[in-house]
Amino acid sequence: MRDTLCVTDTIWALVPAATRWLDAANGRDDAELGCRMLKVTEEAGEAASAWIGLRGQNPRKGVTHTKEDVAAELADVVITALVAIESLGLNARETLETTAAKVQARIPHL
């Protein structure tokens, strides 16, 4: 249980810190916010690429990735999405918890 709390604490400290870092480097105008939204898609593409590499779907390259690579890319998607939410001036943790509650309510027997 303690390890989970540490990881969660790390994530929730990272998200606003990364948002502040991006704000300081790039500002937060509409163009920058748009780029942060697009970054989620870029990261999702990297996850898809890792999956293709795991499955060896490119005959020229063969198997190039592991399940751990795919998982790491998916984690990048999550963190990037949380930073994008925070960049909109919203609380990413509250947004995620609200959405998780909605999803949980749709799953029978949870």
PDB file of N, CA and C in Angstrom:
ATOM      1  N   MET A   1       0.824  -1.194   0.000  1.00  0.00           N
ATOM      2  CA  MET A   1       0.000   0.000   0.000  1.00  0.00           C
ATOM      3  C   MET A   1       0.871   1.262   0.000  1.00  0.00           C
ATOM      4  N   ARG A   2       1.920   1.268   0.758  1.00  0.00           N
ATOM      5  CA  ARG A   2       2.781   2.441   0.844  1.00  0.00           C
ATOM      6  C   ARG A   2       3.413   2.782  -0.506  1.00  0.00           C
ATOM      7  N   ASP A   3       3.840   1.753  -1.265  1.00  0.00           N
ATOM      8  CA  ASP A   3       4.440   2.004  -2.571  1.00  0.00           C
ATOM      9  C   ASP A   3       3.458   2.692  -3.498  1.00  0.00           C
ATOM     10  N   THR A   4       2.203   2.276  -3.480  1.00  0.00           N
ATOM     11  CA  THR A   4       1.184   2.893  -4.319  1.00  0.00           C
ATOM     12  C   THR A   4       1.019   4.364  -3.964  1.00  0.00           C
ATOM     13  N   LEU A   5       0.991   4.671  -2.677  1.00  0.00           N
ATOM     14  CA  LEU A   5       0.850   6.057  -2.254  1.00  0.00           C
ATOM     15  C   LEU A   5       2.031   6.895  -2.723  1.00  0.00           C
ATOM     16  N   CYS A   6       3.234   6.351  -2.653  1.00  0.00           N
ATOM     17  CA  CYS A   6       4.413   7.092  -3.097  1.00  0.00           C
ATOM     18  C   CYS A   6       4.342   7.383  -4.586  1.00  0.00           C
ATOM     19  N   VAL A   7       3.957   6.386  -5.376  1.00  0.00           N
ATOM     20  CA  VAL A   7       3.838   6.597  -6.811  1.00  0.00           C
ATOM     21  C   VAL A   7       2.769   7.642  -7.095  1.00  0.00           C
ATOM     22  N   THR A   8       1.639   7.517  -6.431  1.00  0.00           N
ATOM     23  CA  THR A   8       0.567   8.493  -6.631  1.00  0.00           C
ATOM     24  C   THR A   8       1.038   9.887  -6.234  1.00  0.00           C
ATOM     25  N   ASP A   9       1.697   9.993  -5.096  1.00  0.00           N
ATOM     26  CA  ASP A   9       2.218  11.293  -4.669  1.00  0.00           C
ATOM     27  C   ASP A   9       3.191  11.847  -5.697  1.00  0.00           C
ATOM     28  N   THR A  10       4.009  10.991  -6.261  1.00  0.00           N
ATOM     29  CA  THR A  10       4.968  11.418  -7.280  1.00  0.00           C
ATOM     30  C   THR A  10       4.249  11.968  -8.502  1.00  0.00           C
ATOM     31  N   ILE A  11       3.238  11.248  -8.956  1.00  0.00           N
ATOM     32  CA  ILE A  11       2.488  11.696 -10.137  1.00  0.00           C
ATOM     33  C   ILE A  11       1.812  13.034  -9.872  1.00  0.00           C
ATOM     34  N   TRP A  12       1.143  13.148  -8.737  1.00  0.00           N
ATOM     35  CA  TRP A  12       0.393  14.373  -8.462  1.00  0.00           C
ATOM     36  C   TRP A  12       1.297  15.548  -8.155  1.00  0.00           C
ATOM     37  N   ALA A  13       2.532  15.313  -7.795  1.00  0.00           N
ATOM     38  CA  ALA A  13       3.508  16.405  -7.670  1.00  0.00           C
ATOM     39  C   ALA A  13       4.075  16.759  -9.047  1.00  0.00           C
ATOM     40  N   LEU A  14       4.249  15.737  -9.886  1.00  0.00           N
ATOM     41  CA  LEU A  14       4.814  15.943 -11.217  1.00  0.00           C
ATOM     42  C   LEU A  14       3.919  16.782 -12.118  1.00  0.00           C
ATOM     43  N   VAL A  15       2.624  16.502 -12.128  1.00  0.00           N
ATOM     44  CA  VAL A  15       1.710  17.132 -13.096  1.00  0.00           C
ATOM     45  C   VAL A  15       1.722  18.659 -12.989  1.00  0.00           C
ATOM     46  N   PRO A  16       1.497  19.266 -11.816  1.00  0.00           N
ATOM     47  CA  PRO A  16       1.558  20.724 -11.776  1.00  0.00           C
ATOM     48  C   PRO A  16       2.966  21.269 -12.005  1.00  0.00           C
ATOM     49  N   ALA A  17       3.987  20.529 -11.566  1.00  0.00           N
ATOM     50  CA  ALA A  17       5.364  20.982 -11.791  1.00  0.00           C
ATOM     51  C   ALA A  17       5.683  21.013 -13.285  1.00  0.00           C
ATOM     52  N   ALA A  18       5.291  19.971 -14.003  1.00  0.00           N
ATOM     53  CA  ALA A  18       5.520  19.935 -15.451  1.00  0.00           C
ATOM     54  C   ALA A  18       4.734  21.040 -16.150  1.00  0.00           C
ATOM     55  N   THR A  19       3.532  21.292 -15.673  1.00  0.00           N
ATOM     56  CA  THR A  19       2.710  22.358 -16.258  1.00  0.00           C
ATOM     57  C   THR A  19       3.377  23.713 -16.052  1.00  0.00           C
ATOM     58  N   ARG A  20       3.871  23.962 -14.853  1.00  0.00           N
ATOM     59  CA  ARG A  20       4.575  25.232 -14.579  1.00  0.00           C
ATOM     60  C   ARG A  20       5.833  25.359 -15.437  1.00  0.00           C
ATOM     61  N   TRP A  21       6.550  24.255 -15.601  1.00  0.00           N
ATOM     62  CA  TRP A  21       7.767  24.258 -16.413  1.00  0.00           C
ATOM     63  C   TRP A  21       7.437  24.608 -17.868  1.00  0.00           C
ATOM     64  N   LEU A  22       6.388  23.983 -18.409  1.00  0.00           N
ATOM     65  CA  LEU A  22       5.974  24.295 -19.777  1.00  0.00           C
ATOM     66  C   LEU A  22       5.486  25.737 -19.897  1.00  0.00           C
ATOM     67  N   ASP A  23       4.735  26.205 -18.905  1.00  0.00           N
ATOM     68  CA  ASP A  23       4.263  27.594 -18.910  1.00  0.00           C
ATOM     69  C   ASP A  23       5.437  28.562 -18.963  1.00  0.00           C
ATOM     70  N   ALA A  24       6.460  28.296 -18.145  1.00  0.00           N
ATOM     71  CA  ALA A  24       7.621  29.182 -18.092  1.00  0.00           C
ATOM     72  C   ALA A  24       8.397  29.164 -19.413  1.00  0.00           C
ATOM     73  N   ALA A  25       8.482  28.003 -20.026  1.00  0.00           N
ATOM     74  CA  ALA A  25       9.246  27.872 -21.267  1.00  0.00           C
ATOM     75  C   ALA A  25       8.480  28.361 -22.490  1.00  0.00           C
ATOM     76  N   ASN A  26       7.169  28.103 -22.524  1.00  0.00           N
ATOM     77  CA  ASN A  26       6.398  28.322 -23.754  1.00  0.00           C
ATOM     78  C   ASN A  26       5.194  29.240 -23.609  1.00  0.00           C
ATOM     79  N   GLY A  27       4.878  29.681 -22.398  1.00  0.00           N
ATOM     80  CA  GLY A  27       3.661  30.464 -22.197  1.00  0.00           C
ATOM     81  C   GLY A  27       2.453  29.542 -22.166  1.00  0.00           C
ATOM     82  N   ARG A  28       1.276  30.181 -22.202  1.00  0.00           N
ATOM     83  CA  ARG A  28       0.046  29.383 -22.155  1.00  0.00           C
ATOM     84  C   ARG A  28      -1.021  29.997 -23.059  1.00  0.00           C
ATOM     85  N   ASP A  29      -0.607  30.517 -24.207  1.00  0.00           N
ATOM     86  CA  ASP A  29      -1.602  31.063 -25.125  1.00  0.00           C
ATOM     87  C   ASP A  29      -2.329  29.917 -25.833  1.00  0.00           C
ATOM     88  N   ASP A  30      -3.300  30.262 -26.659  1.00  0.00           N
ATOM     89  CA  ASP A  30      -4.101  29.232 -27.318  1.00  0.00           C
ATOM     90  C   ASP A  30      -3.266  28.309 -28.198  1.00  0.00           C
ATOM     91  N   ALA A  31      -2.258  28.863 -28.867  1.00  0.00           N
ATOM     92  CA  ALA A  31      -1.407  28.023 -29.717  1.00  0.00           C
ATOM     93  C   ALA A  31      -0.657  26.999 -28.863  1.00  0.00           C
ATOM     94  N   GLU A  32      -0.135  27.428 -27.726  1.00  0.00           N
ATOM     95  CA  GLU A  32       0.580  26.513 -26.841  1.00  0.00           C
ATOM     96  C   GLU A  32      -0.363  25.463 -26.270  1.00  0.00           C
ATOM     97  N   LEU A  33      -1.557  25.878 -25.862  1.00  0.00           N
ATOM     98  CA  LEU A  33      -2.519  24.902 -25.348  1.00  0.00           C
ATOM     99  C   LEU A  33      -2.871  23.875 -26.423  1.00  0.00           C
ATOM    100  N   GLY A  34      -3.023  24.335 -27.650  1.00  0.00           N
ATOM    101  CA  GLY A  34      -3.292  23.417 -28.751  1.00  0.00           C
ATOM    102  C   GLY A  34      -2.162  22.413 -28.927  1.00  0.00           C
ATOM    103  N   CYS A  35      -0.934  22.882 -28.800  1.00  0.00           N
ATOM    104  CA  CYS A  35       0.214  21.976 -28.911  1.00  0.00           C
ATOM    105  C   CYS A  35       0.216  20.951 -27.787  1.00  0.00           C
ATOM    106  N   ARG A  36      -0.209  21.349 -26.597  1.00  0.00           N
ATOM    107  CA  ARG A  36      -0.259  20.405 -25.487  1.00  0.00           C
ATOM    108  C   ARG A  36      -1.335  19.349 -25.716  1.00  0.00           C
ATOM    109  N   MET A  37      -2.427  19.727 -26.354  1.00  0.00           N
ATOM    110  CA  MET A  37      -3.460  18.747 -26.697  1.00  0.00           C
ATOM    111  C   MET A  37      -2.922  17.795 -27.777  1.00  0.00           C
ATOM    112  N   LEU A  38      -2.239  18.354 -28.774  1.00  0.00           N
ATOM    113  CA  LEU A  38      -1.670  17.528 -29.841  1.00  0.00           C
ATOM    114  C   LEU A  38      -0.594  16.587 -29.315  1.00  0.00           C
ATOM    115  N   LYS A  39       0.099  16.996 -28.270  1.00  0.00           N
ATOM    116  CA  LYS A  39       1.143  16.157 -27.674  1.00  0.00           C
ATOM    117  C   LYS A  39       0.558  14.840 -27.168  1.00  0.00           C
ATOM    118  N   VAL A  40      -0.695  14.868 -26.709  1.00  0.00           N
ATOM    119  CA  VAL A  40      -1.350  13.626 -26.269  1.00  0.00           C
ATOM    120  C   VAL A  40      -1.447  12.664 -27.450  1.00  0.00           C
ATOM    121  N   THR A  41      -1.825  13.177 -28.612  1.00  0.00           N
ATOM    122  CA  THR A  41      -1.926  12.354 -29.814  1.00  0.00           C
ATOM    123  C   THR A  41      -0.558  11.838 -30.239  1.00  0.00           C
ATOM    124  N   GLU A  42       0.453  12.687 -30.134  1.00  0.00           N
ATOM    125  CA  GLU A  42       1.811  12.248 -30.471  1.00  0.00           C
ATOM    126  C   GLU A  42       2.236  11.083 -29.580  1.00  0.00           C
ATOM    127  N   GLU A  43       1.982  11.213 -28.292  1.00  0.00           N
ATOM    128  CA  GLU A  43       2.349  10.141 -27.361  1.00  0.00           C
ATOM    129  C   GLU A  43       1.550   8.862 -27.649  1.00  0.00           C
ATOM    130  N   ALA A  44       0.274   9.009 -27.998  1.00  0.00           N
ATOM    131  CA  ALA A  44      -0.536   7.839 -28.351  1.00  0.00           C
ATOM    132  C   ALA A  44       0.029   7.157 -29.596  1.00  0.00           C
ATOM    133  N   GLY A  45       0.519   7.948 -30.539  1.00  0.00           N
ATOM    134  CA  GLY A  45       1.156   7.384 -31.726  1.00  0.00           C
ATOM    135  C   GLY A  45       2.408   6.600 -31.369  1.00  0.00           C
ATOM    136  N   GLU A  46       3.164   7.088 -30.391  1.00  0.00           N
ATOM    137  CA  GLU A  46       4.355   6.360 -29.950  1.00  0.00           C
ATOM    138  C   GLU A  46       3.960   5.035 -29.286  1.00  0.00           C
ATOM    139  N   ALA A  47       2.851   5.035 -28.565  1.00  0.00           N
ATOM    140  CA  ALA A  47       2.363   3.785 -27.969  1.00  0.00           C
ATOM    141  C   ALA A  47       1.949   2.810 -29.073  1.00  0.00           C
ATOM    142  N   ALA A  48       1.268   3.319 -30.084  1.00  0.00           N
ATOM    143  CA  ALA A  48       0.871   2.470 -31.213  1.00  0.00           C
ATOM    144  C   ALA A  48       2.097   1.919 -31.934  1.00  0.00           C
ATOM    145  N   SER A  49       3.093   2.744 -32.120  1.00  0.00           N
ATOM    146  CA  SER A  49       4.327   2.312 -32.772  1.00  0.00           C
ATOM    147  C   SER A  49       5.019   1.219 -31.962  1.00  0.00           C
ATOM    148  N   ALA A  50       5.031   1.392 -30.640  1.00  0.00           N
ATOM    149  CA  ALA A  50       5.632   0.364 -29.781  1.00  0.00           C
ATOM    150  C   ALA A  50       4.853  -0.946 -29.893  1.00  0.00           C
ATOM    151  N   TRP A  51       3.528  -0.863 -29.978  1.00  0.00           N
ATOM    152  CA  TRP A  51       2.713  -2.077 -30.127  1.00  0.00           C
ATOM    153  C   TRP A  51       3.038  -2.773 -31.450  1.00  0.00           C
ATOM    154  N   ILE A  52       3.134  -1.988 -32.509  1.00  0.00           N
ATOM    155  CA  ILE A  52       3.509  -2.552 -33.812  1.00  0.00           C
ATOM    156  C   ILE A  52       4.878  -3.216 -33.716  1.00  0.00           C
ATOM    157  N   GLY A  53       5.798  -2.572 -33.006  1.00  0.00           N
ATOM    158  CA  GLY A  53       7.121  -3.147 -32.808  1.00  0.00           C
ATOM    159  C   GLY A  53       7.099  -4.413 -31.974  1.00  0.00           C
ATOM    160  N   LEU A  54       6.212  -4.461 -30.996  1.00  0.00           N
ATOM    161  CA  LEU A  54       6.064  -5.659 -30.174  1.00  0.00           C
ATOM    162  C   LEU A  54       5.537  -6.827 -31.004  1.00  0.00           C
ATOM    163  N   ARG A  55       4.605  -6.539 -31.888  1.00  0.00           N
ATOM    164  CA  ARG A  55       3.977  -7.582 -32.705  1.00  0.00           C
ATOM    165  C   ARG A  55       4.807  -7.930 -33.936  1.00  0.00           C
ATOM    166  N   GLY A  56       5.866  -7.164 -34.219  1.00  0.00           N
ATOM    167  CA  GLY A  56       6.698  -7.441 -35.391  1.00  0.00           C
ATOM    168  C   GLY A  56       5.974  -7.191 -36.696  1.00  0.00           C
ATOM    169  N   GLN A  57       5.077  -6.224 -36.701  1.00  0.00           N
ATOM    170  CA  GLN A  57       4.240  -5.980 -37.880  1.00  0.00           C
ATOM    171  C   GLN A  57       4.972  -5.303 -39.027  1.00  0.00           C
ATOM    172  N   ASN A  58       6.142  -4.758 -38.783  1.00  0.00           N
ATOM    173  CA  ASN A  58       6.942  -4.194 -39.867  1.00  0.00           C
ATOM    174  C   ASN A  58       7.986  -5.238 -40.240  1.00  0.00           C
ATOM    175  N   PRO A  59       7.795  -5.936 -41.374  1.00  0.00           N
ATOM    176  CA  PRO A  59       8.709  -7.027 -41.733  1.00  0.00           C
ATOM    177  C   PRO A  59      10.167  -6.568 -41.884  1.00  0.00           C
ATOM    178  N   ARG A  60      10.358  -5.335 -42.252  1.00  0.00           N
ATOM    179  CA  ARG A  60      11.716  -4.809 -42.415  1.00  0.00           C
ATOM    180  C   ARG A  60      12.428  -4.697 -41.071  1.00  0.00           C
ATOM    181  N   LYS A  61      11.667  -4.384 -40.007  1.00  0.00           N
ATOM    182  CA  LYS A  61      12.275  -4.168 -38.690  1.00  0.00           C
ATOM    183  C   LYS A  61      12.160  -5.376 -37.769  1.00  0.00           C
ATOM    184  N   GLY A  62      11.108  -6.164 -37.940  1.00  0.00           N
ATOM    185  CA  GLY A  62      10.889  -7.294 -37.048  1.00  0.00           C
ATOM    186  C   GLY A  62      10.397  -6.836 -35.679  1.00  0.00           C
ATOM    187  N   VAL A  63      10.611  -7.650 -34.669  1.00  0.00           N
ATOM    188  CA  VAL A  63      10.194  -7.325 -33.302  1.00  0.00           C
ATOM    189  C   VAL A  63      11.216  -6.351 -32.710  1.00  0.00           C
ATOM    190  N   THR A  64      10.732  -5.192 -32.337  1.00  0.00           N
ATOM    191  CA  THR A  64      11.632  -4.133 -31.860  1.00  0.00           C
ATOM    192  C   THR A  64      11.293  -3.631 -30.463  1.00  0.00           C
ATOM    193  N   HIS A  65      10.149  -4.027 -29.907  1.00  0.00           N
ATOM    194  CA  HIS A  65       9.713  -3.501 -28.622  1.00  0.00           C
ATOM    195  C   HIS A  65       9.240  -4.633 -27.711  1.00  0.00           C
ATOM    196  N   THR A  66       9.146  -4.313 -26.438  1.00  0.00           N
ATOM    197  CA  THR A  66       8.650  -5.247 -25.431  1.00  0.00           C
ATOM    198  C   THR A  66       7.329  -4.731 -24.873  1.00  0.00           C
ATOM    199  N   LYS A  67       6.653  -5.576 -24.106  1.00  0.00           N
ATOM    200  CA  LYS A  67       5.431  -5.125 -23.417  1.00  0.00           C
ATOM    201  C   LYS A  67       5.746  -3.963 -22.496  1.00  0.00           C
ATOM    202  N   GLU A  68       6.892  -3.995 -21.883  1.00  0.00           N
ATOM    203  CA  GLU A  68       7.300  -2.904 -20.995  1.00  0.00           C
ATOM    204  C   GLU A  68       7.457  -1.591 -21.759  1.00  0.00           C
ATOM    205  N   ASP A  69       7.966  -1.671 -22.993  1.00  0.00           N
ATOM    206  CA  ASP A  69       8.056  -0.472 -23.841  1.00  0.00           C
ATOM    207  C   ASP A  69       6.670   0.088 -24.131  1.00  0.00           C
ATOM    208  N   VAL A  70       5.742  -0.797 -24.461  1.00  0.00           N
ATOM    209  CA  VAL A  70       4.361  -0.367 -24.737  1.00  0.00           C
ATOM    210  C   VAL A  70       3.768   0.284 -23.495  1.00  0.00           C
ATOM    211  N   ALA A  71       3.944  -0.364 -22.351  1.00  0.00           N
ATOM    212  CA  ALA A  71       3.406   0.180 -21.098  1.00  0.00           C
ATOM    213  C   ALA A  71       3.998   1.546 -20.787  1.00  0.00           C
ATOM    214  N   ALA A  72       5.301   1.700 -21.001  1.00  0.00           N
ATOM    215  CA  ALA A  72       5.945   2.998 -20.741  1.00  0.00           C
ATOM    216  C   ALA A  72       5.380   4.081 -21.654  1.00  0.00           C
ATOM    217  N   GLU A  73       5.133   3.734 -22.909  1.00  0.00           N
ATOM    218  CA  GLU A  73       4.544   4.710 -23.838  1.00  0.00           C
ATOM    219  C   GLU A  73       3.117   5.061 -23.426  1.00  0.00           C
ATOM    220  N   LEU A  74       2.361   4.073 -22.974  1.00  0.00           N
ATOM    221  CA  LEU A  74       1.001   4.348 -22.494  1.00  0.00           C
ATOM    222  C   LEU A  74       1.042   5.245 -21.257  1.00  0.00           C
ATOM    223  N   ALA A  75       2.015   5.016 -20.386  1.00  0.00           N
ATOM    224  CA  ALA A  75       2.162   5.879 -19.211  1.00  0.00           C
ATOM    225  C   ALA A  75       2.483   7.309 -19.632  1.00  0.00           C
ATOM    226  N   ASP A  76       3.290   7.469 -20.686  1.00  0.00           N
ATOM    227  CA  ASP A  76       3.552   8.811 -21.217  1.00  0.00           C
ATOM    228  C   ASP A  76       2.267   9.482 -21.677  1.00  0.00           C
ATOM    229  N   VAL A  77       1.369   8.697 -22.296  1.00  0.00           N
ATOM    230  CA  VAL A  77       0.081   9.236 -22.731  1.00  0.00           C
ATOM    231  C   VAL A  77      -0.689   9.772 -21.524  1.00  0.00           C
ATOM    232  N   VAL A  78      -0.727   8.980 -20.463  1.00  0.00           N
ATOM    233  CA  VAL A  78      -1.465   9.369 -19.261  1.00  0.00           C
ATOM    234  C   VAL A  78      -0.904  10.653 -18.674  1.00  0.00           C
ATOM    235  N   ILE A  79       0.394  10.708 -18.494  1.00  0.00           N
ATOM    236  CA  ILE A  79       1.008  11.898 -17.890  1.00  0.00           C
ATOM    237  C   ILE A  79       0.803  13.110 -18.772  1.00  0.00           C
ATOM    238  N   THR A  80       0.977  12.934 -20.077  1.00  0.00           N
ATOM    239  CA  THR A  80       0.787  14.053 -21.009  1.00  0.00           C
ATOM    240  C   THR A  80      -0.654  14.549 -20.974  1.00  0.00           C
ATOM    241  N   ALA A  81      -1.611  13.647 -20.887  1.00  0.00           N
ATOM    242  CA  ALA A  81      -3.019  14.042 -20.810  1.00  0.00           C
ATOM    243  C   ALA A  81      -3.297  14.789 -19.510  1.00  0.00           C
ATOM    244  N   LEU A  82      -2.725  14.330 -18.402  1.00  0.00           N
ATOM    245  CA  LEU A  82      -2.930  15.018 -17.122  1.00  0.00           C
ATOM    246  C   LEU A  82      -2.341  16.429 -17.156  1.00  0.00           C
ATOM    247  N   VAL A  83      -1.180  16.575 -17.778  1.00  0.00           N
ATOM    248  CA  VAL A  83      -0.580  17.908 -17.915  1.00  0.00           C
ATOM    249  C   VAL A  83      -1.459  18.790 -18.803  1.00  0.00           C
ATOM    250  N   ALA A  84      -2.031  18.227 -19.857  1.00  0.00           N
ATOM    251  CA  ALA A  84      -2.926  18.998 -20.732  1.00  0.00           C
ATOM    252  C   ALA A  84      -4.155  19.477 -19.960  1.00  0.00           C
ATOM    253  N   ILE A  85      -4.706  18.611 -19.125  1.00  0.00           N
ATOM    254  CA  ILE A  85      -5.865  19.006 -18.306  1.00  0.00           C
ATOM    255  C   ILE A  85      -5.477  20.146 -17.374  1.00  0.00           C
ATOM    256  N   GLU A  86      -4.364  19.998 -16.707  1.00  0.00           N
ATOM    257  CA  GLU A  86      -3.884  21.029 -15.775  1.00  0.00           C
ATOM    258  C   GLU A  86      -3.608  22.340 -16.517  1.00  0.00           C
ATOM    259  N   SER A  87      -3.124  22.231 -17.759  1.00  0.00           N
ATOM    260  CA  SER A  87      -2.825  23.407 -18.573  1.00  0.00           C
ATOM    261  C   SER A  87      -4.075  24.198 -18.927  1.00  0.00           C
ATOM    262  N   LEU A  88      -5.215  23.534 -18.898  1.00  0.00           N
ATOM    263  CA  LEU A  88      -6.486  24.218 -19.153  1.00  0.00           C
ATOM    264  C   LEU A  88      -6.956  25.009 -17.933  1.00  0.00           C
ATOM    265  N   GLY A  89      -6.167  24.959 -16.861  1.00  0.00           N
ATOM    266  CA  GLY A  89      -6.536  25.662 -15.641  1.00  0.00           C
ATOM    267  C   GLY A  89      -7.428  24.835 -14.738  1.00  0.00           C
ATOM    268  N   LEU A  90      -7.514  23.546 -15.023  1.00  0.00           N
ATOM    269  CA  LEU A  90      -8.344  22.642 -14.227  1.00  0.00           C
ATOM    270  C   LEU A  90      -7.456  21.775 -13.347  1.00  0.00           C
ATOM    271  N   ASN A  91      -8.044  21.166 -12.348  1.00  0.00           N
ATOM    272  CA  ASN A  91      -7.309  20.277 -11.464  1.00  0.00           C
ATOM    273  C   ASN A  91      -7.352  18.879 -12.077  1.00  0.00           C
ATOM    274  N   ALA A  92      -6.204  18.401 -12.538  1.00  0.00           N
ATOM    275  CA  ALA A  92      -6.144  17.115 -13.235  1.00  0.00           C
ATOM    276  C   ALA A  92      -6.574  15.969 -12.330  1.00  0.00           C
ATOM    277  N   ARG A  93      -6.189  16.021 -11.070  1.00  0.00           N
ATOM    278  CA  ARG A  93      -6.536  14.943 -10.146  1.00  0.00           C
ATOM    279  C   ARG A  93      -8.051  14.870  -9.958  1.00  0.00           C
ATOM    280  N   GLU A  94      -8.680  16.008  -9.729  1.00  0.00           N
ATOM    281  CA  GLU A  94     -10.140  16.035  -9.556  1.00  0.00           C
ATOM    282  C   GLU A  94     -10.839  15.575 -10.832  1.00  0.00           C
ATOM    283  N   THR A  95     -10.344  16.026 -11.976  1.00  0.00           N
ATOM    284  CA  THR A  95     -10.938  15.634 -13.251  1.00  0.00           C
ATOM    285  C   THR A  95     -10.840  14.132 -13.455  1.00  0.00           C
ATOM    286  N   LEU A  96      -9.676  13.570 -13.176  1.00  0.00           N
ATOM    287  CA  LEU A  96      -9.491  12.134 -13.335  1.00  0.00           C
ATOM    288  C   LEU A  96     -10.368  11.353 -12.365  1.00  0.00           C
ATOM    289  N   GLU A  97     -10.451  11.803 -11.121  1.00  0.00           N
ATOM    290  CA  GLU A  97     -11.277  11.099 -10.139  1.00  0.00           C
ATOM    291  C   GLU A  97     -12.755  11.157 -10.510  1.00  0.00           C
ATOM    292  N   THR A  98     -13.227  12.299 -11.000  1.00  0.00           N
ATOM    293  CA  THR A  98     -14.619  12.438 -11.431  1.00  0.00           C
ATOM    294  C   THR A  98     -14.912  11.504 -12.603  1.00  0.00           C
ATOM    295  N   THR A  99     -14.009  11.478 -13.565  1.00  0.00           N
ATOM    296  CA  THR A  99     -14.200  10.617 -14.721  1.00  0.00           C
ATOM    297  C   THR A  99     -14.124   9.148 -14.328  1.00  0.00           C
ATOM    298  N   ALA A 100     -13.207   8.812 -13.443  1.00  0.00           N
ATOM    299  CA  ALA A 100     -13.093   7.422 -12.979  1.00  0.00           C
ATOM    300  C   ALA A 100     -14.376   6.981 -12.285  1.00  0.00           C
ATOM    301  N   ALA A 101     -14.988   7.864 -11.517  1.00  0.00           N
ATOM    302  CA  ALA A 101     -16.250   7.528 -10.843  1.00  0.00           C
ATOM    303  C   ALA A 101     -17.352   7.258 -11.863  1.00  0.00           C
ATOM    304  N   LYS A 102     -17.391   8.043 -12.952  1.00  0.00           N
ATOM    305  CA  LYS A 102     -18.381   7.819 -14.003  1.00  0.00           C
ATOM    306  C   LYS A 102     -18.169   6.464 -14.675  1.00  0.00           C
ATOM    307  N   VAL A 103     -16.921   6.152 -14.969  1.00  0.00           N
ATOM    308  CA  VAL A 103     -16.614   4.869 -15.600  1.00  0.00           C
ATOM    309  C   VAL A 103     -16.954   3.727 -14.646  1.00  0.00           C
ATOM    310  N   GLN A 104     -16.598   3.884 -13.394  1.00  0.00           N
ATOM    311  CA  GLN A 104     -16.881   2.851 -12.390  1.00  0.00           C
ATOM    312  C   GLN A 104     -18.369   2.582 -12.289  1.00  0.00           C
ATOM    313  N   ALA A 105     -19.179   3.622 -12.373  1.00  0.00           N
ATOM    314  CA  ALA A 105     -20.626   3.466 -12.275  1.00  0.00           C
ATOM    315  C   ALA A 105     -21.204   2.671 -13.447  1.00  0.00           C
ATOM    316  N   ARG A 106     -20.491   2.661 -14.575  1.00  0.00           N
ATOM    317  CA  ARG A 106     -20.977   1.929 -15.754  1.00  0.00           C
ATOM    318  C   ARG A 106     -20.579   0.463 -15.734  1.00  0.00           C
ATOM    319  N   ILE A 107     -19.663   0.091 -14.855  1.00  0.00           N
ATOM    320  CA  ILE A 107     -19.171  -1.288 -14.823  1.00  0.00           C
ATOM    321  C   ILE A 107     -19.987  -2.066 -13.800  1.00  0.00           C
ATOM    322  N   PRO A 108     -20.698  -3.079 -14.251  1.00  0.00           N
ATOM    323  CA  PRO A 108     -21.519  -3.868 -13.321  1.00  0.00           C
ATOM    324  C   PRO A 108     -20.665  -4.578 -12.277  1.00  0.00           C
ATOM    325  N   HIS A 109     -21.203  -4.690 -11.089  1.00  0.00           N
ATOM    326  CA  HIS A 109     -20.593  -5.454 -10.007  1.00  0.00           C
ATOM    327  C   HIS A 109     -19.265  -4.907  -9.542  1.00  0.00           C
ATOM    328  N   LEU A 110     -19.067  -3.615  -9.620  1.00  0.00           N
ATOM    329  CA  LEU A 110     -17.828  -3.032  -9.089  1.00  0.00           C
ATOM    330  C   LEU A 110     -18.086  -2.352  -7.786  1.00  0.00           C
TER     331      LEU A 110
END
